[in-house]
Amino acid sequence: MGKRETRRKGWLNRDEMARSCRLSLRGFDGRNVQPVGKIGREVFFDCAAVLEAEQEARERRESKVDEDAQARRDEAEREKILLMRSQREAQEMKNRAIWRELVPANAVSWSLEQVSRQLIALFDSIPLRIKTIAPRLTTNEINGIQRELVQIQNIASEIEVDFDNLPPERRTTSF
């Protein structure tokens, strides 16, 4: 592109090339077509430059589509792995429940409630049993024993289990 270039055959200015490509000026400018010549302020394009720009744009779109498709495949693979992992963990939990290594929390809670009800009933019956074994005890002495048992029940109700300090043989392996 020298300073004294003249318009060559096949060169079209921006307006003419946009019209021949059936594009608006803005659409043509968006294709980033490199001009083949410039005379004054006017730039010229030829079909080869337009086709080259179109090929580059097509390659960019295809690579973008390939990247998107690969990203979707990767995401699907990650989802598959997560699903398989959760299915494996669920099966392991079922197996451990069958082998009685794992008990549902609501079953443990219900069992502890049953045990504590039975213990309360036993504690309540102790003063009467003592009265039958030792009939010489006075009512005040029996009431004193009953008060002590109530205090023991209150202390027992406040006992907290420290699951962090379970002995190793009672710990279950984590998944």
Protein backbone atom coordinates (compact mmCIF):
# COMPACT_ATOMS: atom_id res chain seq x y z
CA MET A 1 0.00 0.00 0.00
CA GLY A 2 1.99 2.90 -1.25
CA LYS A 3 0.99 6.54 -1.09
CA ARG A 4 0.13 6.72 -4.78
CA GLU A 5 -1.89 3.57 -5.06
CA THR A 6 -4.79 3.40 -7.40
CA ARG A 7 -7.91 1.41 -7.07
CA ARG A 8 -7.41 -2.09 -8.44
CA LYS A 9 -9.85 -4.46 -10.03
CA GLY A 10 -11.79 -6.44 -7.38
CA TRP A 11 -11.29 -3.85 -4.68
CA LEU A 12 -14.44 -2.49 -3.08
CA ASN A 13 -14.75 0.26 -0.55
CA ARG A 14 -16.36 -0.40 2.82
CA ASP A 15 -19.92 0.49 1.73
CA GLU A 16 -19.75 -1.53 -1.48
CA MET A 17 -18.22 -4.58 0.23
CA ALA A 18 -20.85 -4.50 3.01
CA ARG A 19 -23.59 -4.35 0.37
CA SER A 20 -22.07 -7.21 -1.65
CA CYS A 21 -21.87 -9.33 1.54
CA ARG A 22 -25.46 -8.33 2.37
CA LEU A 23 -24.38 -6.89 5.71
CA SER A 24 -24.95 -3.63 7.46
CA LEU A 25 -21.92 -1.41 7.90
CA ARG A 26 -21.85 -2.25 11.59
CA GLY A 27 -22.05 -5.97 10.79
CA PHE A 28 -19.26 -5.68 8.28
CA ASP A 29 -17.09 -3.74 10.73
CA GLY A 30 -17.73 -6.46 13.32
CA ARG A 31 -16.08 -9.05 11.05
CA ASN A 32 -12.66 -7.37 11.45
CA VAL A 33 -11.82 -7.60 7.77
CA GLN A 34 -8.32 -6.30 7.07
CA PRO A 35 -8.21 -3.76 4.24
CA VAL A 36 -6.03 -4.55 1.23
CA GLY A 37 -5.48 -0.95 0.26
CA LYS A 38 -6.02 2.63 1.22
CA ILE A 39 -6.31 5.68 -0.96
CA GLY A 40 -6.62 8.86 1.06
CA ARG A 41 -9.18 8.25 3.76
CA GLU A 42 -10.93 5.51 1.84
CA VAL A 43 -10.06 1.86 2.55
CA PHE A 44 -10.59 -1.00 0.14
CA PHE A 45 -11.29 -4.68 0.58
CA ASP A 46 -11.25 -7.67 -1.70
CA CYS A 47 -13.09 -10.99 -1.55
CA ALA A 48 -10.04 -12.90 -0.32
CA ALA A 49 -9.75 -10.65 2.76
CA VAL A 50 -13.47 -11.07 3.48
CA LEU A 51 -13.25 -14.86 3.10
CA GLU A 52 -10.15 -15.00 5.30
CA ALA A 53 -11.89 -12.97 8.03
CA GLU A 54 -14.96 -15.21 7.74
CA GLN A 55 -12.78 -18.33 8.03
CA GLU A 56 -11.07 -16.95 11.15
CA ALA A 57 -14.45 -16.09 12.68
CA ARG A 58 -15.75 -19.59 11.88
CA GLU A 59 -12.67 -21.17 13.49
CA ARG A 60 -13.13 -19.01 16.60
CA ARG A 61 -16.80 -20.05 16.83
CA GLU A 62 -15.95 -23.71 16.34
CA SER A 63 -13.21 -23.61 18.93
CA LYS A 64 -15.63 -21.89 21.30
CA VAL A 65 -18.23 -24.59 20.59
CA ASP A 66 -15.56 -27.28 21.13
CA GLU A 67 -14.53 -25.68 24.42
CA ASP A 68 -18.17 -25.43 25.53
CA ALA A 69 -18.83 -29.03 24.54
CA GLN A 70 -15.72 -30.16 26.41
CA ALA A 71 -16.79 -28.15 29.45
CA ARG A 72 -20.23 -29.80 29.32
CA ARG A 73 -18.63 -33.25 28.98
CA ASP A 74 -16.32 -32.50 31.92
CA GLU A 75 -19.26 -31.31 34.01
CA ALA A 76 -21.27 -34.41 33.12
CA GLU A 77 -18.30 -36.58 34.08
CA ARG A 78 -17.97 -34.78 37.43
CA GLU A 79 -21.70 -35.25 38.06
CA LYS A 80 -21.39 -38.93 37.19
CA ILE A 81 -18.49 -39.34 39.61
CA LEU A 82 -20.40 -37.55 42.39
CA LEU A 83 -23.46 -39.71 41.77
CA MET A 84 -21.41 -42.90 41.84
CA ARG A 85 -19.67 -41.79 45.03
CA SER A 86 -22.94 -41.00 46.78
CA GLN A 87 -24.42 -44.34 45.61
CA ARG A 88 -21.34 -46.16 46.90
CA GLU A 89 -21.55 -44.38 50.26
CA ALA A 90 -25.27 -45.15 50.54
CA GLN A 91 -24.60 -48.83 49.81
CA GLU A 92 -21.78 -48.90 52.35
CA MET A 93 -24.10 -47.39 54.95
CA LYS A 94 -26.78 -50.00 54.15
CA ASN A 95 -24.21 -52.78 54.46
CA ARG A 96 -22.95 -51.42 57.77
CA ALA A 97 -26.53 -51.23 59.04
CA ILE A 98 -27.06 -54.87 58.00
CA TRP A 99 -23.85 -55.87 59.79
CA ARG A 100 -25.07 -53.88 62.82
CA GLU A 101 -22.11 -51.52 62.67
CA LEU A 102 -24.33 -48.56 61.95
CA VAL A 103 -27.62 -47.69 63.64
CA PRO A 104 -29.95 -44.86 62.65
CA ALA A 105 -29.89 -41.97 65.12
CA ASN A 106 -33.66 -42.12 65.71
CA ALA A 107 -33.36 -45.82 66.66
CA VAL A 108 -30.60 -45.01 69.15
CA SER A 109 -32.67 -42.16 70.60
CA TRP A 110 -35.76 -44.39 70.95
CA SER A 111 -33.66 -47.13 72.62
CA LEU A 112 -32.18 -44.69 75.12
CA GLU A 113 -35.66 -43.39 75.94
CA GLN A 114 -36.86 -46.95 76.61
CA VAL A 115 -33.86 -47.71 78.82
CA SER A 116 -34.26 -44.48 80.78
CA ARG A 117 -37.98 -45.17 81.38
CA GLN A 118 -37.15 -48.62 82.72
CA LEU A 119 -34.42 -47.18 84.94
CA ILE A 120 -36.79 -44.54 86.33
CA ALA A 121 -39.31 -47.27 87.16
CA LEU A 122 -36.60 -49.27 88.91
CA PHE A 123 -35.41 -46.24 90.88
CA ASP A 124 -38.99 -45.49 91.93
CA SER A 125 -39.43 -49.05 93.22
CA ILE A 126 -36.25 -49.08 95.35
CA PRO A 127 -37.79 -47.46 98.49
CA LEU A 128 -40.62 -50.03 98.53
CA ARG A 129 -38.18 -52.92 98.12
CA ILE A 130 -36.02 -51.59 100.92
CA LYS A 131 -39.13 -51.28 103.14
CA THR A 132 -39.96 -54.95 102.53
CA ILE A 133 -36.37 -56.05 103.20
CA ALA A 134 -35.92 -53.83 106.28
CA PRO A 135 -39.34 -53.23 107.84
CA ARG A 136 -37.74 -51.52 110.85
CA LEU A 137 -36.90 -48.39 108.79
CA THR A 138 -39.03 -45.37 109.58
CA THR A 139 -40.95 -43.35 107.04
CA ASN A 140 -38.43 -40.50 107.39
CA GLU A 141 -35.57 -42.87 106.56
CA ILE A 142 -37.45 -44.21 103.51
CA ASN A 143 -38.18 -40.61 102.40
CA GLY A 144 -34.46 -39.78 102.82
CA ILE A 145 -33.56 -42.73 100.57
CA GLN A 146 -36.15 -41.57 98.05
CA ARG A 147 -34.70 -38.01 98.05
CA GLU A 148 -31.22 -39.42 97.40
CA LEU A 149 -32.54 -41.45 94.51
CA VAL A 150 -34.23 -38.37 93.00
CA GLN A 151 -30.93 -36.48 93.24
CA ILE A 152 -29.18 -39.38 91.49
CA GLN A 153 -31.84 -39.31 88.75
CA ASN A 154 -31.33 -35.57 88.29
CA ILE A 155 -27.58 -36.00 88.05
CA ALA A 156 -28.05 -38.84 85.55
CA SER A 157 -30.32 -36.69 83.39
CA GLU A 158 -27.56 -34.10 83.03
CA ILE A 159 -24.89 -36.56 81.88
CA GLU A 160 -23.51 -35.68 78.45
CA VAL A 161 -21.80 -38.13 76.16
CA ASP A 162 -18.52 -36.93 74.65
CA PHE A 163 -18.53 -38.57 71.22
CA ASP A 164 -15.15 -37.06 70.40
CA ASN A 165 -13.45 -39.25 73.03
CA LEU A 166 -14.96 -42.58 72.04
CA PRO A 167 -12.55 -45.50 72.38
CA PRO A 168 -11.02 -46.59 69.06
CA GLU A 169 -12.91 -49.90 68.98
CA ARG A 170 -16.22 -47.98 69.17
CA ARG A 171 -15.38 -45.54 66.40
CA THR A 172 -16.60 -46.27 62.93
CA THR A 173 -14.45 -45.68 59.93
CA SER A 174 -15.35 -42.63 57.91
CA PHE A 175 -16.26 -42.86 54.26
